[in-house]
């Protein structure tokens, strides 16, 4: 397997990418070092090959260099922005909870015994991050929760073509590249439905669902107007064993407690 070209370097104690440099900073003029071994770098910015950094002396492990540099950059982005936008959690098309913004006060990188970064923990185990990188051998293990924590996977397979500002936006503010691997909050919500509890839109206890699979069905049909509605907006009648939409219940003056 071909070793990755490294687009990351350390300059003035900050992680940068090769895309942050201009033409006048090519070669040794870049003033960069390796983030892992601190060896001198030169910026390879020719017209044929992919732009990247290379050691001027004996190189360190290139895979370790690449992976750890990405994680160090993500940590830097989180500490700079002090916030992380997380996506909502979907259970087979149904929203379990909405996305939001987590204030970031602490960021730690987790490492394997061989020294390779394998995850990031935010705010003392409040949330964990895994990174899906372009190398095939980095994909499998990142799809498991980190230390049993709520864990989000960030897809950074196209990170090599971005500068640090673009990566910061991708990591801290966008949600399109993020997906949940595991969520303790979702597990708690799932347990509520397993026990039969269902809440209406006002948050009051409503009815008992007739079977657990109701939680995973995305739509329902109102038995009055016959319209297809979002299952989360439907009300279940324990006596009639049918679904009703809120509009029909209000317009027809139905008492859902007797349905």
Protein backbone atom coordinates (compact mmCIF):
# COMPACT_ATOMS: atom_id res chain seq x y z
CA UNK A 1 0.00 0.00 0.00
CA UNK A 2 1.36 3.41 -0.98
CA UNK A 3 2.24 5.59 1.98
CA UNK A 4 0.32 8.87 2.17
CA UNK A 5 1.81 12.18 1.14
CA UNK A 6 1.80 14.41 4.19
CA UNK A 7 0.13 17.84 3.74
CA UNK A 8 0.57 18.84 7.41
CA UNK A 9 3.41 20.62 9.18
CA UNK A 10 4.21 22.58 12.32
CA UNK A 11 5.00 26.28 11.86
CA UNK A 12 5.31 28.78 14.70
CA UNK A 13 3.91 26.12 17.07
CA UNK A 14 0.74 25.69 15.04
CA UNK A 15 -0.37 22.94 12.67
CA UNK A 16 -0.80 24.17 9.10
CA UNK A 17 -1.48 22.52 5.75
CA UNK A 18 0.47 22.80 2.52
CA UNK A 19 -2.51 24.73 1.14
CA UNK A 20 -1.86 27.55 3.62
CA UNK A 21 1.45 28.40 1.94
CA UNK A 22 2.03 30.64 -1.04
CA UNK A 23 4.49 30.11 -3.89
CA UNK A 24 7.20 32.15 -2.18
CA UNK A 25 7.25 29.67 0.71
CA UNK A 26 8.12 26.55 -1.27
CA UNK A 27 11.11 24.41 -0.38
CA UNK A 28 13.06 25.29 2.76
CA UNK A 29 11.52 28.75 2.78
CA UNK A 30 8.40 27.29 4.37
CA UNK A 31 10.05 27.35 7.80
CA UNK A 32 8.19 24.20 8.88
CA UNK A 33 9.04 21.11 10.91
CA UNK A 34 7.46 17.69 11.35
CA UNK A 35 4.71 17.73 14.01
CA UNK A 36 5.81 14.28 15.25
CA UNK A 37 9.63 14.07 15.22
CA UNK A 38 10.32 17.82 14.85
CA UNK A 39 12.64 17.17 11.92
CA UNK A 40 13.10 19.89 9.29
CA UNK A 41 10.56 19.97 6.46
CA UNK A 42 10.67 21.28 2.93
CA UNK A 43 7.51 22.15 1.03
CA UNK A 44 7.20 20.18 -2.20
CA UNK A 45 5.09 22.47 -4.39
CA UNK A 46 5.89 21.48 -7.95
CA UNK A 47 3.63 21.42 -11.01
CA UNK A 48 3.38 17.63 -11.41
CA UNK A 49 3.03 15.82 -8.08
CA UNK A 50 0.60 16.43 -5.25
CA UNK A 51 1.85 19.21 -2.97
CA UNK A 52 3.18 17.89 0.34
CA UNK A 53 5.83 18.24 3.02
CA UNK A 54 8.92 16.02 3.16
CA UNK A 55 11.75 15.57 5.64
CA UNK A 56 15.11 16.97 4.61
CA UNK A 57 16.78 14.23 6.64
CA UNK A 58 15.75 10.75 7.76
CA UNK A 59 11.94 10.61 7.80
CA UNK A 60 9.88 9.27 10.67
CA UNK A 61 6.99 6.83 10.16
CA UNK A 62 4.84 8.48 7.49
CA UNK A 63 1.58 6.86 8.52
CA UNK A 64 2.08 7.89 12.15
CA UNK A 65 3.06 11.35 10.94
CA UNK A 66 -0.06 11.72 8.80
CA UNK A 67 -2.61 10.37 11.29
CA UNK A 68 -1.24 12.20 14.33
CA UNK A 69 -0.98 15.47 12.40
CA UNK A 70 -4.66 15.32 11.45
CA UNK A 71 -5.69 14.70 15.05
CA UNK A 72 -3.42 17.50 16.27
CA UNK A 73 -5.00 19.86 13.76
CA UNK A 74 -8.53 18.89 14.81
CA UNK A 75 -7.61 19.49 18.45
CA UNK A 76 -6.19 22.90 17.47
CA UNK A 77 -9.41 23.80 15.64
CA UNK A 78 -11.58 22.86 18.62
CA UNK A 79 -9.44 24.82 21.08
CA UNK A 80 -9.45 27.87 18.80
CA UNK A 81 -13.20 27.90 18.14
CA UNK A 82 -14.21 26.71 21.62
CA UNK A 83 -17.36 25.13 20.16
CA UNK A 84 -18.44 21.99 18.33
CA UNK A 85 -21.63 21.63 16.30
CA UNK A 86 -22.99 18.10 16.51
CA UNK A 87 -25.65 16.55 14.26
CA UNK A 88 -29.05 15.26 15.28
CA UNK A 89 -29.48 11.56 15.94
CA UNK A 90 -31.69 9.56 13.57
CA UNK A 91 -33.14 6.12 14.28
CA UNK A 92 -34.20 4.61 10.95
CA UNK A 93 -35.37 7.99 9.67
CA UNK A 94 -36.90 9.20 12.94
CA UNK A 95 -35.31 12.02 14.89
CA UNK A 96 -34.31 10.93 18.39
CA UNK A 97 -32.83 14.32 19.27
CA UNK A 98 -31.84 17.46 17.38
CA UNK A 99 -28.33 18.67 16.74
CA UNK A 100 -26.78 21.47 18.75
CA UNK A 101 -23.61 23.25 19.79
CA UNK A 102 -21.29 22.02 22.53
CA UNK A 103 -19.07 24.55 24.26
CA UNK A 104 -15.53 23.20 24.28
CA UNK A 105 -13.34 23.76 27.33
CA UNK A 106 -11.03 20.75 27.22
CA UNK A 107 -9.65 18.61 24.36
CA UNK A 108 -7.50 15.50 24.71
CA UNK A 109 -6.09 13.15 22.06
CA UNK A 110 -6.14 9.42 22.75
CA UNK A 111 -3.27 7.25 21.50
CA UNK A 112 -2.74 3.55 20.86
CA UNK A 113 0.20 1.76 22.51
CA UNK A 114 2.20 2.26 19.29
CA UNK A 115 1.83 6.04 19.61
CA UNK A 116 -0.74 6.51 16.84
CA UNK A 117 -3.69 8.79 17.59
CA UNK A 118 -7.05 7.02 17.60
CA UNK A 119 -9.57 9.50 18.98
CA UNK A 120 -10.35 12.80 20.68
CA UNK A 121 -12.19 13.35 23.96
CA UNK A 122 -13.97 16.65 24.57
CA UNK A 123 -14.76 18.12 27.98
CA UNK A 124 -13.55 15.25 30.14
CA UNK A 125 -15.53 12.43 28.49
CA UNK A 126 -18.60 14.48 27.50
CA UNK A 127 -18.09 13.53 23.84
CA UNK A 128 -15.59 11.58 21.77
CA UNK A 129 -14.54 11.98 18.14
CA UNK A 130 -13.17 9.51 15.65
CA UNK A 131 -11.72 10.57 12.29
CA UNK A 132 -12.38 8.70 9.05
CA UNK A 133 -9.21 9.28 7.02
CA UNK A 134 -8.40 8.42 3.44
CA UNK A 135 -6.22 5.39 4.19
CA UNK A 136 -8.12 2.13 3.99
CA UNK A 137 -6.50 0.75 7.13
CA UNK A 138 -7.78 3.66 9.22
CA UNK A 139 -11.47 3.12 8.41
CA UNK A 140 -12.52 -0.07 10.22
CA UNK A 141 -11.55 0.67 13.80
CA UNK A 142 -12.86 4.23 13.80
CA UNK A 143 -16.42 2.98 13.48
CA UNK A 144 -16.51 1.79 17.10
CA UNK A 145 -17.24 3.95 20.18
CA UNK A 146 -14.20 5.39 21.91
CA UNK A 147 -13.93 4.25 25.53
CA UNK A 148 -17.68 3.60 25.65
CA UNK A 149 -18.39 7.33 25.26
CA UNK A 150 -20.88 9.05 22.99
CA UNK A 151 -18.86 9.11 19.79
CA UNK A 152 -19.13 11.01 16.50
CA UNK A 153 -17.33 10.05 13.30
CA UNK A 154 -16.02 12.94 11.18
CA UNK A 155 -15.31 12.13 7.54
CA UNK A 156 -12.00 13.76 6.65
CA UNK A 157 -11.10 11.64 3.62
CA UNK A 158 -10.89 14.78 1.45
CA UNK A 159 -8.94 16.81 4.00
CA UNK A 160 -5.72 16.92 1.95
CA UNK A 161 -7.07 19.51 -0.47
CA UNK A 162 -8.18 21.97 2.22
CA UNK A 163 -6.53 24.79 4.14
CA UNK A 164 -6.81 25.21 7.90
CA UNK A 165 -9.75 27.64 7.70
CA UNK A 166 -11.75 25.17 5.62
CA UNK A 167 -10.87 22.31 7.96
CA UNK A 168 -11.91 24.40 10.96
CA UNK A 169 -15.32 25.00 9.40
CA UNK A 170 -15.67 21.32 8.57
CA UNK A 171 -14.70 20.14 12.04
CA UNK A 172 -16.30 22.74 14.27
CA UNK A 173 -19.34 24.12 12.45
CA UNK A 174 -20.59 21.87 9.64
CA UNK A 175 -22.57 18.69 10.27
CA UNK A 176 -22.72 17.11 6.79
CA UNK A 177 -19.49 15.20 7.35
CA UNK A 178 -20.47 13.99 10.84
CA UNK A 179 -22.39 10.93 11.93
CA UNK A 180 -23.08 9.27 15.26
CA UNK A 181 -21.33 6.01 16.02
CA UNK A 182 -22.90 5.74 19.46
CA UNK A 183 -24.90 8.01 21.77
CA UNK A 184 -25.71 7.42 25.43
CA UNK A 185 -28.51 9.98 25.07
CA UNK A 186 -30.06 7.99 22.22
CA UNK A 187 -29.84 4.82 24.30
CA UNK A 188 -31.79 6.52 27.09
CA UNK A 189 -34.42 7.75 24.61
CA UNK A 190 -34.67 4.28 23.07
CA UNK A 191 -35.22 2.81 26.54
CA UNK A 192 -38.23 5.09 27.03
CA UNK A 193 -39.88 3.71 23.91
CA UNK A 194 -38.94 0.18 24.88
CA UNK A 195 -40.88 0.72 28.10
CA UNK A 196 -43.84 1.97 26.10
CA UNK A 197 -43.68 5.64 27.03
CA UNK A 198 -44.61 8.18 24.36
CA UNK A 199 -44.63 11.96 24.71
CA UNK A 200 -46.82 14.37 22.77
CA UNK A 201 -45.54 17.63 21.29
CA UNK A 202 -46.19 19.44 24.57
CA UNK A 203 -44.03 17.03 26.52
CA UNK A 204 -46.90 15.54 28.55
CA UNK A 205 -47.31 11.80 29.02
CA UNK A 206 -49.68 10.63 26.26
CA UNK A 207 -50.33 6.96 25.63
CA UNK A 208 -48.66 3.58 25.50
CA UNK A 209 -47.40 2.49 22.10
CA UNK A 210 -48.83 -0.88 21.14
CA UNK A 211 -45.44 -2.24 20.09
CA UNK A 212 -41.81 -1.18 20.15
CA UNK A 213 -41.51 -1.14 16.35
CA UNK A 214 -43.63 2.03 16.27
CA UNK A 215 -40.50 3.93 17.22
CA UNK A 216 -38.74 2.91 14.04
CA UNK A 217 -41.58 3.55 11.54
CA UNK A 218 -41.14 6.91 9.87
CA UNK A 219 -44.70 7.73 8.74
CA UNK A 220 -48.30 6.94 9.64
CA UNK A 221 -51.72 7.50 8.01
CA UNK A 222 -54.39 9.52 9.80
CA UNK A 223 -57.55 7.39 9.93
CA UNK A 224 -59.76 10.52 9.50
CA UNK A 225 -58.23 12.54 6.65
CA UNK A 226 -56.15 9.62 5.29
CA UNK A 227 -53.10 11.86 4.94
CA UNK A 228 -49.61 10.51 5.46
CA UNK A 229 -47.98 12.27 8.40
CA UNK A 230 -44.72 12.16 10.31
CA UNK A 231 -44.97 9.46 12.97
CA UNK A 232 -43.67 11.89 15.58
CA UNK A 233 -46.68 14.17 14.93
CA UNK A 234 -49.22 11.34 15.06
CA UNK A 235 -51.36 10.38 18.06
CA UNK A 236 -52.24 6.76 18.73
CA UNK A 237 -55.70 5.76 19.94
CA UNK A 238 -55.49 2.84 22.33
CA UNK A 239 -59.18 1.98 21.90
CA UNK A 240 -59.53 2.45 18.14
CA UNK A 241 -55.99 1.15 17.46
CA UNK A 242 -55.53 3.85 14.85
CA UNK A 243 -53.46 6.98 14.24
CA UNK A 244 -54.81 10.54 14.25
CA UNK A 245 -53.20 13.79 13.19
CA UNK A 246 -53.38 16.80 15.50
CA UNK A 247 -55.27 18.83 12.89
CA UNK A 248 -58.17 16.35 12.68
CA UNK A 249 -58.37 16.02 16.47
CA UNK A 250 -58.63 19.80 16.83
CA UNK A 251 -60.99 20.44 13.90
CA UNK A 252 -63.38 17.60 14.75
CA UNK A 253 -63.27 18.18 18.48
CA UNK A 254 -62.10 14.64 19.21
CA UNK A 255 -61.09 13.66 22.72
CA UNK A 256 -57.91 11.65 22.27
CA UNK A 257 -58.30 10.13 25.75
CA UNK A 258 -61.39 8.30 24.50
CA UNK A 259 -59.97 7.24 21.13
